[in-house]
Amino acid sequence: MTDFNVKIPESLYKQIEALATKENMSIEQLVAVALSAQVSAWMTKDYLEEKAQRGSWDKFQQVLNKVPDVEPDDYDKLD
């Protein structure tokens, strides 16, 4: 583990402290979980943007054009 010191607004610290108490975890655990979730979200966004740039709208349309234009079976319909 690495120590990481950061300055945050007092109001944010109080929110973190209250949430950590509510969730029965340490402030350090809560911050680590929250930071991990946010980093994961940013990385996922970057990954999806990269994949989208490699995609082809024309190829997507070609695949969609192969799908028959029929009503789904009753068991496959959304209510």
C-alpha atoms as a PDB file:
ATOM      1  CA  MET A   1       0.000   0.000   0.000  1.00  0.00           C
ATOM      2  CA  THR A   2       1.075   3.549  -0.669  1.00  0.00           C
ATOM      3  CA  ASP A   3       0.268   6.523   1.514  1.00  0.00           C
ATOM      4  CA  PHE A   4      -1.329   9.403  -0.348  1.00  0.00           C
ATOM      5  CA  ASN A   5      -1.929  12.778   1.286  1.00  0.00           C
ATOM      6  CA  VAL A   6      -4.366  15.177  -0.294  1.00  0.00           C
ATOM      7  CA  LYS A   7      -6.074  18.386   0.772  1.00  0.00           C
ATOM      8  CA  ILE A   8      -9.857  18.441   0.393  1.00  0.00           C
ATOM      9  CA  PRO A   9     -12.524  20.919   1.453  1.00  0.00           C
ATOM     10  CA  GLU A  10     -13.730  20.510   5.028  1.00  0.00           C
ATOM     11  CA  SER A  11     -17.318  20.047   3.803  1.00  0.00           C
ATOM     12  CA  LEU A  12     -16.281  17.085   1.623  1.00  0.00           C
ATOM     13  CA  TYR A  13     -14.336  15.551   4.508  1.00  0.00           C
ATOM     14  CA  LYS A  14     -17.404  15.769   6.744  1.00  0.00           C
ATOM     15  CA  GLN A  15     -19.513  14.038   4.084  1.00  0.00           C
ATOM     16  CA  ILE A  16     -16.911  11.286   3.725  1.00  0.00           C
ATOM     17  CA  GLU A  17     -16.671  10.912   7.491  1.00  0.00           C
ATOM     18  CA  ALA A  18     -20.447  10.620   7.867  1.00  0.00           C
ATOM     19  CA  LEU A  19     -20.731   8.112   5.035  1.00  0.00           C
ATOM     20  CA  ALA A  20     -17.871   6.007   6.379  1.00  0.00           C
ATOM     21  CA  THR A  21     -19.586   5.888   9.771  1.00  0.00           C
ATOM     22  CA  LYS A  22     -22.899   4.960   8.159  1.00  0.00           C
ATOM     23  CA  GLU A  23     -21.248   2.191   6.114  1.00  0.00           C
ATOM     24  CA  ASN A  24     -19.265   0.986   9.130  1.00  0.00           C
ATOM     25  CA  MET A  25     -15.897   1.394   7.430  1.00  0.00           C
ATOM     26  CA  SER A  26     -12.840   3.532   7.908  1.00  0.00           C
ATOM     27  CA  ILE A  27     -12.436   6.800   6.049  1.00  0.00           C
ATOM     28  CA  GLU A  28      -9.381   5.286   4.347  1.00  0.00           C
ATOM     29  CA  GLN A  29     -11.412   2.301   3.107  1.00  0.00           C
ATOM     30  CA  LEU A  30     -14.233   4.510   1.852  1.00  0.00           C
ATOM     31  CA  VAL A  31     -11.874   6.826  -0.023  1.00  0.00           C
ATOM     32  CA  ALA A  32     -10.043   3.857  -1.577  1.00  0.00           C
ATOM     33  CA  VAL A  33     -13.319   2.291  -2.747  1.00  0.00           C
ATOM     34  CA  ALA A  34     -14.652   5.596  -4.115  1.00  0.00           C
ATOM     35  CA  LEU A  35     -11.405   6.406  -5.897  1.00  0.00           C
ATOM     36  CA  SER A  36     -11.216   2.909  -7.351  1.00  0.00           C
ATOM     37  CA  ALA A  37     -14.763   3.184  -8.687  1.00  0.00           C
ATOM     38  CA  GLN A  38     -14.104   6.561 -10.284  1.00  0.00           C
ATOM     39  CA  VAL A  39     -10.830   5.468 -11.895  1.00  0.00           C
ATOM     40  CA  SER A  40     -12.592   2.381 -13.249  1.00  0.00           C
ATOM     41  CA  ALA A  41     -15.362   4.545 -14.718  1.00  0.00           C
ATOM     42  CA  TRP A  42     -12.835   6.830 -16.436  1.00  0.00           C
ATOM     43  CA  MET A  43     -10.927   3.861 -17.819  1.00  0.00           C
ATOM     44  CA  THR A  44     -14.132   2.260 -19.101  1.00  0.00           C
ATOM     45  CA  LYS A  45     -15.127   5.518 -20.807  1.00  0.00           C
ATOM     46  CA  ASP A  46     -11.716   5.757 -22.475  1.00  0.00           C
ATOM     47  CA  TYR A  47     -11.917   2.100 -23.548  1.00  0.00           C
ATOM     48  CA  LEU A  48     -15.368   2.531 -25.073  1.00  0.00           C
ATOM     49  CA  GLU A  49     -14.339   5.711 -26.889  1.00  0.00           C
ATOM     50  CA  GLU A  50     -11.312   3.910 -28.315  1.00  0.00           C
ATOM     51  CA  LYS A  51     -13.467   0.978 -29.464  1.00  0.00           C
ATOM     52  CA  ALA A  52     -15.988   3.377 -31.017  1.00  0.00           C
ATOM     53  CA  GLN A  53     -13.263   5.056 -33.067  1.00  0.00           C
ATOM     54  CA  ARG A  54     -12.332   1.687 -34.571  1.00  0.00           C
ATOM     55  CA  GLY A  55     -15.945   0.949 -35.456  1.00  0.00           C
ATOM     56  CA  SER A  56     -17.573   1.559 -38.802  1.00  0.00           C
ATOM     57  CA  TRP A  57     -21.039   3.028 -39.129  1.00  0.00           C
ATOM     58  CA  ASP A  58     -21.347   1.562 -42.641  1.00  0.00           C
ATOM     59  CA  LYS A  59     -20.554  -1.968 -41.420  1.00  0.00           C
ATOM     60  CA  PHE A  60     -23.023  -1.534 -38.572  1.00  0.00           C
ATOM     61  CA  GLN A  61     -25.732  -0.525 -41.047  1.00  0.00           C
ATOM     62  CA  GLN A  62     -24.891  -3.512 -43.276  1.00  0.00           C
ATOM     63  CA  VAL A  63     -25.428  -5.870 -40.343  1.00  0.00           C
ATOM     64  CA  LEU A  64     -28.683  -4.163 -39.341  1.00  0.00           C
ATOM     65  CA  ASN A  65     -29.959  -4.436 -42.916  1.00  0.00           C
ATOM     66  CA  LYS A  66     -29.694  -8.242 -42.620  1.00  0.00           C
ATOM     67  CA  VAL A  67     -32.152  -8.307 -39.710  1.00  0.00           C
ATOM     68  CA  PRO A  68     -35.650  -9.174 -40.932  1.00  0.00           C
ATOM     69  CA  ASP A  69     -38.343  -6.570 -40.280  1.00  0.00           C
ATOM     70  CA  VAL A  70     -40.819  -8.819 -38.457  1.00  0.00           C
ATOM     71  CA  GLU A  71     -42.575  -8.757 -35.118  1.00  0.00           C
ATOM     72  CA  PRO A  72     -40.846 -10.816 -32.404  1.00  0.00           C
ATOM     73  CA  ASP A  73     -42.416 -14.000 -31.088  1.00  0.00           C
ATOM     74  CA  ASP A  74     -44.762 -13.482 -28.132  1.00  0.00           C
ATOM     75  CA  TYR A  75     -42.248 -14.926 -25.659  1.00  0.00           C
ATOM     76  CA  ASP A  76     -39.647 -12.429 -26.858  1.00  0.00           C
ATOM     77  CA  LYS A  77     -41.753  -9.249 -26.577  1.00  0.00           C
ATOM     78  CA  LEU A  78     -41.271  -6.659 -23.875  1.00  0.00           C
ATOM     79  CA  ASP A  79     -44.329  -5.918 -21.760  1.00  0.00           C
END
